[in-house]
Amino acid sequence: MKIIKLVQKIIPFVFLIFTSLIVIFSNKIPPSKLWIASFVSNLAPILIVLSIIIFIYSIINRNWISSLFLLVLILIGFDHITTTIQLRNIDYSSIFTTPKRFKVLSYNVSSFRIPPLFSPNYYKADSNLNSIFIKDYISNSDAEIMCFQEFFNDKNSKLYNNIEDLASNKGYNYFISNEPSHNGTTRGLVIISKFPIVNKSNVFISENGYNGACFADVVTPSKDTLRIINAHLESMKIKAINYGFSANIYGKIKYILWAFKHGSIEREKQISKLINCTKLSPYPIILCTDLNDTPYSYTYNELNKILNNSFEYSGRGFDFTLNSESLFFLRIDNQFFSKEIIPLYSTSIQSFNASDHYPVESIYAID
């Protein structure tokens, strides 16, 4: 009878551990092989938090066998904890006395939140306050290197000639991933540098012309050359359900699953190209990116194999980056760096909410 009771107590914990192990290791599976694994991997933080709560409860109730099982599970999933939250103390005084330091800004500017292209409001400054706020924020930034995703430029507009206002007129160097269209507008990726740019190129541009990656090799005042990569990976386009895609709940769920599958598989292809560019670089790398994926994903895991994440090495708290009422708990904007670079500090600027994303600022030094 005692054995039966013991088994009854252990079975729920064994089930939790088995399920959690599947979730924890699902980010090792390429979405093209099993796309649902990309969905399942996002459950990792929930299961780990649940495991910690039950572990504490088991300790209090002196259930040592269950506690042991849960402790092993928590240790196995510890990497998922450190990608979620950092509790370090930061010595701010030492940051600004470190030689050869520089700041990098990465920011998805959401096309500067412009009104519909060439609509009446497009030409009115008072209808474009977010655009003005974003531009002012960038203009006042002391970052030596700036990477922007979803950048918008209209060379024929005084209000939206952002390349001229943020780079050319200041004497900064820049690279933009796409050429202007027939109407003078450009959307894409931009790298702006106060340091000289000695080489620049696209890594890939997706079929939609919207997502992609590019790089610029910059030379710092200490004569070190760095490769700055700016990437914006495939979106899942979940916002489409808010714009009348389907009034039917079943239709919305079906669309979300299709979008998740499509986005995950496309990001797998894109991350392969990005990693190849990284491996071929002759210089230390800083990668600024809107991954459109969480720290528990295949995409993030693949990058973390070859580069370090600035939040994990020099951030604090949760550092969420998505400006959203419903998905505020996501960190999809990141900076990664190679081992030759020293991370000093990294944070998302959550007090500035003019875009759908928060700016991510990191300070580095060169070894």
Protein backbone atom coordinates (compact mmCIF):
# COMPACT_ATOMS: atom_id res chain seq x y z
CA MET A 1 0.00 0.00 0.00
CA LYS A 2 2.87 2.38 0.84
CA ILE A 3 4.42 1.67 -2.54
CA ILE A 4 1.15 2.50 -4.32
CA LYS A 5 0.85 5.79 -2.44
CA LEU A 6 4.46 6.62 -3.25
CA VAL A 7 3.89 5.90 -6.94
CA GLN A 8 0.76 8.06 -6.91
CA LYS A 9 2.79 10.94 -5.49
CA ILE A 10 5.65 10.54 -7.92
CA ILE A 11 3.67 10.11 -11.17
CA PRO A 12 2.48 13.78 -11.41
CA PHE A 13 6.04 15.00 -10.88
CA VAL A 14 7.47 12.54 -13.40
CA PHE A 15 4.86 13.74 -15.90
CA LEU A 16 5.78 17.38 -15.20
CA ILE A 17 9.48 16.63 -15.61
CA PHE A 18 8.94 14.65 -18.82
CA THR A 19 6.77 17.41 -20.31
CA SER A 20 9.19 20.12 -19.21
CA LEU A 21 12.18 18.32 -20.74
CA ILE A 22 10.36 18.13 -24.08
CA VAL A 23 9.64 21.87 -23.89
CA ILE A 24 13.15 22.84 -22.73
CA PHE A 25 14.89 20.95 -25.54
CA SER A 26 12.38 21.76 -28.27
CA ASN A 27 14.42 24.82 -29.29
CA LYS A 28 17.09 22.43 -30.62
CA ILE A 29 14.72 21.18 -33.34
CA PRO A 30 14.75 23.02 -36.71
CA PRO A 31 11.23 24.30 -37.52
CA SER A 32 11.49 22.76 -41.01
CA LYS A 33 11.71 19.35 -39.34
CA LEU A 34 8.97 19.91 -36.76
CA TRP A 35 7.51 23.41 -36.74
CA ILE A 36 5.27 22.81 -33.73
CA ALA A 37 8.45 22.53 -31.61
CA SER A 38 8.94 26.28 -32.15
CA PHE A 39 5.54 26.89 -30.61
CA VAL A 40 6.11 24.48 -27.73
CA SER A 41 9.51 26.01 -26.85
CA ASN A 42 7.81 29.24 -25.79
CA LEU A 43 6.17 27.40 -22.91
CA ALA A 44 9.56 26.89 -21.23
CA PRO A 45 9.43 29.88 -18.82
CA ILE A 46 5.91 28.96 -17.69
CA LEU A 47 6.90 25.38 -16.86
CA ILE A 48 10.11 26.44 -15.13
CA VAL A 49 8.26 28.96 -12.93
CA LEU A 50 5.69 26.26 -12.14
CA SER A 51 8.50 23.86 -11.26
CA ILE A 52 10.08 26.40 -8.91
CA ILE A 53 6.76 26.99 -7.14
CA ILE A 54 6.11 23.27 -6.71
CA PHE A 55 9.73 22.75 -5.61
CA ILE A 56 9.33 25.29 -2.82
CA TYR A 57 6.01 23.69 -1.85
CA SER A 58 7.65 20.24 -1.77
CA ILE A 59 10.48 21.51 0.43
CA ILE A 60 8.01 23.04 2.88
CA ASN A 61 6.10 19.73 3.03
CA ARG A 62 9.33 17.69 3.25
CA ASN A 63 8.59 15.76 0.11
CA TRP A 64 12.24 15.07 -0.59
CA ILE A 65 11.87 12.75 -3.57
CA SER A 66 9.69 15.21 -5.48
CA SER A 67 12.02 18.03 -4.45
CA LEU A 68 14.99 16.17 -5.89
CA PHE A 69 13.24 15.55 -9.20
CA LEU A 70 12.23 19.19 -9.45
CA LEU A 71 15.67 20.47 -8.51
CA VAL A 72 17.20 18.43 -11.34
CA LEU A 73 14.62 19.87 -13.73
CA ILE A 74 15.32 23.45 -12.63
CA LEU A 75 19.06 22.95 -13.08
CA ILE A 76 18.54 21.48 -16.57
CA GLY A 77 16.43 24.49 -17.53
CA PHE A 78 18.68 27.05 -15.85
CA ASP A 79 19.75 28.56 -19.19
CA HIS A 80 16.13 29.52 -19.81
CA ILE A 81 16.10 31.36 -16.49
CA THR A 82 19.19 33.42 -17.33
CA THR A 83 17.80 34.34 -20.74
CA THR A 84 14.67 35.63 -19.01
CA ILE A 85 15.98 37.61 -16.04
CA GLN A 86 19.30 39.00 -14.81
CA LEU A 87 19.85 40.02 -11.19
CA ARG A 88 23.37 41.45 -11.37
CA ASN A 89 24.49 44.70 -9.75
CA ILE A 90 25.89 47.18 -12.24
CA ASP A 91 28.76 49.50 -11.35
CA TYR A 92 27.81 52.50 -13.45
CA SER A 93 30.88 54.51 -12.41
CA SER A 94 33.27 51.96 -13.89
CA ILE A 95 31.42 51.93 -17.23
CA PHE A 96 32.27 55.53 -18.03
CA THR A 97 35.92 55.19 -17.03
CA THR A 98 36.53 52.20 -19.29
CA PRO A 99 38.84 53.07 -22.21
CA LYS A 100 37.91 52.33 -25.84
CA ARG A 101 34.21 52.17 -24.99
CA PHE A 102 31.42 52.98 -27.41
CA LYS A 103 27.64 52.82 -27.49
CA VAL A 104 25.44 50.94 -29.93
CA LEU A 105 21.75 51.75 -30.44
CA SER A 106 19.40 49.19 -32.01
CA TYR A 107 15.86 50.31 -32.68
CA ASN A 108 12.89 49.10 -34.70
CA VAL A 109 11.36 52.48 -35.54
CA SER A 110 8.13 51.03 -37.02
CA SER A 111 8.48 53.20 -40.17
CA PHE A 112 8.46 56.23 -37.85
CA ARG A 113 4.74 55.58 -37.30
CA ILE A 114 3.86 57.58 -40.40
CA PRO A 115 0.22 57.95 -41.52
CA PRO A 116 -0.84 56.19 -44.76
CA LEU A 117 1.57 57.09 -47.53
CA PHE A 118 0.66 60.35 -49.33
CA SER A 119 -2.62 60.69 -47.45
CA PRO A 120 -3.66 64.22 -46.33
CA ASN A 121 -2.26 63.57 -42.83
CA TYR A 122 1.05 62.43 -44.31
CA TYR A 123 1.94 66.05 -45.05
CA LYS A 124 0.88 67.48 -41.68
CA ALA A 125 3.49 67.75 -38.94
CA ASP A 126 0.87 67.80 -36.18
CA SER A 127 -0.42 64.42 -37.42
CA ASN A 128 3.05 62.92 -37.16
CA LEU A 129 4.06 63.53 -33.56
CA ASN A 130 5.40 60.00 -33.03
CA SER A 131 7.58 60.40 -36.10
CA ILE A 132 8.96 63.67 -34.73
CA PHE A 133 9.52 62.14 -31.28
CA ILE A 134 11.41 59.17 -32.74
CA LYS A 135 13.58 61.42 -34.88
CA ASP A 136 14.34 63.70 -31.90
CA TYR A 137 15.30 60.71 -29.78
CA ILE A 138 17.73 59.48 -32.42
CA SER A 139 19.13 62.97 -33.05
CA ASN A 140 19.90 63.36 -29.34
CA SER A 141 21.44 59.92 -28.94
CA ASP A 142 25.12 59.78 -28.06
CA ALA A 143 25.52 56.33 -29.63
CA GLU A 144 28.45 56.04 -32.01
CA ILE A 145 26.74 53.26 -33.97
CA MET A 146 23.00 53.05 -34.70
CA CYS A 147 21.07 50.23 -36.35
CA PHE A 148 17.45 50.68 -37.38
CA GLN A 149 14.89 48.17 -38.52
CA GLU A 150 11.73 49.20 -40.39
CA PHE A 151 13.41 52.45 -41.37
CA PHE A 152 11.47 54.80 -43.63
CA ASN A 153 12.82 57.56 -45.82
CA ASP A 154 11.20 59.91 -48.33
CA LYS A 155 13.86 61.85 -50.18
CA ASN A 156 11.25 64.23 -51.59
CA SER A 157 9.82 65.16 -48.19
CA LYS A 158 11.17 67.72 -45.78
CA LEU A 159 9.40 65.96 -42.93
CA TYR A 160 10.51 62.39 -43.76
CA ASN A 161 13.95 62.77 -45.32
CA ASN A 162 15.30 60.90 -42.31
CA ILE A 163 18.62 59.83 -43.85
CA GLU A 164 19.46 63.45 -44.56
CA ASP A 165 18.40 64.66 -41.11
CA LEU A 166 19.95 61.83 -39.06
CA ALA A 167 23.09 61.05 -41.07
CA SER A 168 24.06 63.22 -44.06
CA ASN A 169 23.56 66.62 -42.41
CA LYS A 170 25.52 65.46 -39.36
CA GLY A 171 28.44 64.15 -41.39
CA TYR A 172 27.80 60.55 -40.29
CA ASN A 173 28.42 57.51 -42.46
CA TYR A 174 25.54 55.22 -43.33
CA PHE A 175 24.33 52.25 -45.32
CA ILE A 176 20.71 51.59 -46.28
CA SER A 177 19.68 48.15 -47.48
CA ASN A 178 17.23 49.15 -50.25
CA GLU A 179 17.25 51.64 -53.11
CA PRO A 180 14.50 54.29 -53.33
CA SER A 181 11.33 53.24 -55.13
CA HIS A 182 9.87 55.15 -58.08
CA ASN A 183 8.07 57.55 -55.68
CA GLY A 184 11.25 58.42 -53.75
CA THR A 185 10.48 56.38 -50.63
CA THR A 186 12.69 53.72 -49.09
CA ARG A 187 11.94 51.11 -46.44
CA GLY A 188 14.45 48.73 -44.94
CA LEU A 189 17.48 48.47 -42.71
CA VAL A 190 19.89 51.29 -41.93
CA ILE A 191 23.28 51.40 -40.21
CA ILE A 192 24.53 54.85 -39.18
CA SER A 193 28.06 55.25 -37.83
CA LYS A 194 30.10 58.12 -36.46
CA PHE A 195 33.10 55.93 -37.28
CA PRO A 196 34.35 55.50 -40.87
CA ILE A 197 32.71 52.71 -42.87
CA VAL A 198 35.25 50.81 -44.99
CA ASN A 199 32.98 48.10 -46.38
CA LYS A 200 29.22 47.49 -46.56
CA SER A 201 26.84 45.04 -48.16
CA ASN A 202 23.53 43.24 -47.84
CA VAL A 203 23.58 39.73 -46.38
CA PHE A 204 20.12 38.89 -47.70
CA ILE A 205 16.88 40.66 -48.53
CA SER A 206 13.70 38.62 -48.26
CA GLU A 207 11.20 38.31 -51.09
CA ASN A 208 8.92 40.82 -49.38
CA GLY A 209 11.75 43.39 -49.50
CA TYR A 210 10.93 44.17 -45.89
CA ASN A 211 12.98 41.72 -43.86
CA GLY A 212 16.67 41.09 -44.32
CA ALA A 213 20.17 41.70 -43.03
CA CYS A 214 23.08 43.95 -43.94
CA PHE A 215 26.50 44.78 -42.54
CA ALA A 216 29.01 47.62 -42.35
CA ASP A 217 32.66 47.33 -41.35
CA VAL A 218 33.62 50.31 -39.20
CA VAL A 219 36.99 51.50 -37.94
CA THR A 220 37.04 52.83 -34.37
CA PRO A 221 39.33 55.63 -33.15
CA SER A 222 41.59 52.92 -31.68
CA LYS A 223 42.01 51.54 -35.24
CA ASP A 224 40.03 48.40 -34.46
CA THR A 225 37.73 47.20 -37.25
CA LEU A 226 34.32 45.85 -36.29
CA ARG A 227 31.63 44.26 -38.40
CA ILE A 228 28.22 45.70 -37.51
CA ILE A 229 25.34 43.50 -38.67
CA ASN A 230 21.77 44.74 -38.71
CA ALA A 231 19.03 42.14 -39.15
CA HIS A 232 15.24 42.04 -39.15
CA LEU A 233 13.92 38.49 -39.38
CA GLU A 234 10.58 37.29 -40.67
CA SER A 235 7.50 38.44 -38.78
CA MET A 236 4.62 36.12 -37.89
CA LYS A 237 2.16 38.84 -38.96
CA ILE A 238 -0.08 38.15 -35.97
CA LYS A 239 -1.36 41.75 -36.19
CA ALA A 240 -3.34 40.80 -39.28
CA ILE A 241 -6.05 39.25 -37.10
CA ASN A 242 -6.81 42.71 -35.73
CA TYR A 243 -7.66 44.05 -39.16
CA GLY A 244 -10.66 41.99 -40.12
CA PHE A 245 -8.80 38.92 -41.32
CA SER A 246 -11.58 36.71 -40.01
CA ALA A 247 -14.53 37.34 -37.73
CA ASN A 248 -14.60 33.62 -36.99
CA ILE A 249 -12.57 32.43 -33.98
CA TYR A 250 -11.69 29.18 -35.72
CA GLY A 251 -10.44 31.13 -38.73
CA LYS A 252 -8.25 33.34 -36.54
CA ILE A 253 -6.74 30.37 -34.72
CA LYS A 254 -6.07 28.64 -38.03
CA TYR A 255 -4.41 31.77 -39.38
CA ILE A 256 -2.25 32.22 -36.26
CA LEU A 257 -0.99 28.63 -36.51
CA TRP A 258 -0.27 29.05 -40.23
CA ALA A 259 1.53 32.34 -39.57
CA PHE A 260 3.57 30.79 -36.76
CA LYS A 261 4.57 27.86 -38.96
CA HIS A 262 5.45 30.07 -41.94
CA GLY A 263 7.37 32.59 -39.81
CA SER A 264 9.36 29.93 -37.94
CA ILE A 265 10.45 28.13 -41.10
CA GLU A 266 11.41 31.39 -42.84
CA ARG A 267 13.45 32.52 -39.82
CA GLU A 268 15.30 29.21 -39.87
CA LYS A 269 16.38 29.90 -43.47
CA GLN A 270 17.33 33.48 -42.62
CA ILE A 271 19.27 32.59 -39.49
CA SER A 272 21.33 30.12 -41.53
CA LYS A 273 22.39 32.93 -43.89
CA LEU A 274 23.09 35.23 -40.95
CA ILE A 275 25.23 32.65 -39.16
CA ASN A 276 27.18 31.97 -42.34
CA CYS A 277 27.93 35.71 -42.65
CA THR A 278 29.06 35.73 -39.03
CA LYS A 279 31.38 32.78 -39.45
CA LEU A 280 32.99 34.33 -42.54
CA SER A 281 33.64 37.70 -40.88
CA PRO A 282 37.32 38.64 -40.56
CA TYR A 283 36.44 41.06 -37.74
CA PRO A 284 34.77 40.97 -34.32
CA ILE A 285 31.01 41.30 -34.63
CA ILE A 286 28.15 43.21 -33.08
CA LEU A 287 24.76 42.03 -34.29
CA CYS A 288 21.70 44.23 -33.80
CA THR A 289 18.46 42.49 -34.57
CA ASP A 290 14.72 42.33 -34.31
CA LEU A 291 14.53 38.53 -34.23
CA ASN A 292 10.74 38.39 -34.15
CA ASP A 293 11.41 35.43 -31.87
CA THR A 294 11.78 34.86 -28.14
CA PRO A 295 14.87 33.82 -26.15
CA TYR A 296 13.41 30.27 -26.01
CA SER A 297 13.34 29.81 -29.77
CA TYR A 298 15.44 27.85 -32.25
CA THR A 299 16.53 31.15 -33.80
CA TYR A 300 17.88 32.57 -30.55
CA ASN A 301 19.50 29.28 -29.59
CA GLU A 302 21.39 29.06 -32.89
CA LEU A 303 22.75 32.59 -32.52
CA ASN A 304 23.71 31.98 -28.92
CA LYS A 305 25.95 29.10 -30.01
CA ILE A 306 28.35 31.45 -31.80
CA LEU A 307 27.73 34.88 -30.24
CA ASN A 308 27.02 36.24 -26.77
CA ASN A 309 23.87 38.14 -25.92
CA SER A 310 24.39 41.62 -24.47
CA PHE A 311 21.42 41.37 -22.08
CA GLU A 312 22.62 38.06 -20.66
CA TYR A 313 26.12 39.45 -20.08
CA SER A 314 25.44 43.05 -19.04
CA GLY A 315 21.69 43.57 -18.62
CA ARG A 316 19.46 43.66 -15.60
CA GLY A 317 15.85 42.69 -14.84
CA PHE A 318 13.64 41.37 -17.65
CA ASP A 319 14.40 44.06 -20.24
CA PHE A 320 11.31 43.45 -22.37
CA THR A 321 11.47 45.19 -25.75
CA LEU A 322 7.99 44.99 -27.29
CA ASN A 323 5.76 48.02 -26.70
CA SER A 324 2.45 46.17 -26.52
CA GLU A 325 -0.37 46.02 -23.99
CA SER A 326 -1.01 42.32 -24.60
CA LEU A 327 2.53 41.08 -25.40
CA PHE A 328 4.52 43.39 -23.12
CA PHE A 329 6.48 40.41 -21.71
CA LEU A 330 8.43 39.71 -24.92
CA ARG A 331 12.10 40.39 -25.56
CA ILE A 332 12.50 40.04 -29.32
CA ASP A 333 14.99 42.88 -29.95
CA ASN A 334 18.57 41.95 -29.15
CA GLN A 335 22.21 42.74 -29.51
CA PHE A 336 24.78 39.95 -29.80
CA PHE A 337 28.57 40.26 -29.80
CA SER A 338 31.66 38.13 -30.39
CA LYS A 339 34.12 37.12 -27.68
CA GLU A 340 36.70 39.81 -28.54
CA ILE A 341 34.27 42.51 -27.38
CA ILE A 342 33.61 43.38 -23.72
CA PRO A 343 29.98 44.12 -22.77
CA LEU A 344 29.65 46.86 -20.15
CA TYR A 345 25.95 47.62 -20.01
CA SER A 346 22.75 46.86 -21.90
CA THR A 347 19.18 48.06 -21.46
CA SER A 348 15.93 48.69 -23.29
CA ILE A 349 14.60 52.25 -22.95
CA GLN A 350 11.04 51.49 -21.86
CA SER A 351 10.33 55.10 -20.97
CA PHE A 352 10.35 55.92 -24.69
CA ASN A 353 7.29 54.41 -26.37
CA ALA A 354 6.82 56.24 -29.67
CA SER A 355 7.38 53.01 -31.65
CA ASP A 356 6.01 49.47 -31.37
CA HIS A 357 9.43 48.54 -29.97
CA TYR A 358 11.66 50.02 -27.30
CA PRO A 359 15.19 51.15 -28.22
CA VAL A 360 17.97 48.85 -27.05
CA GLU A 361 21.22 50.54 -26.00
CA SER A 362 24.45 48.71 -25.17
CA ILE A 363 27.88 49.96 -24.20
CA TYR A 364 30.93 47.92 -25.19
CA ALA A 365 34.69 48.08 -25.01
CA ILE A 366 37.28 46.40 -27.21
CA ASP A 367 39.61 43.87 -25.66
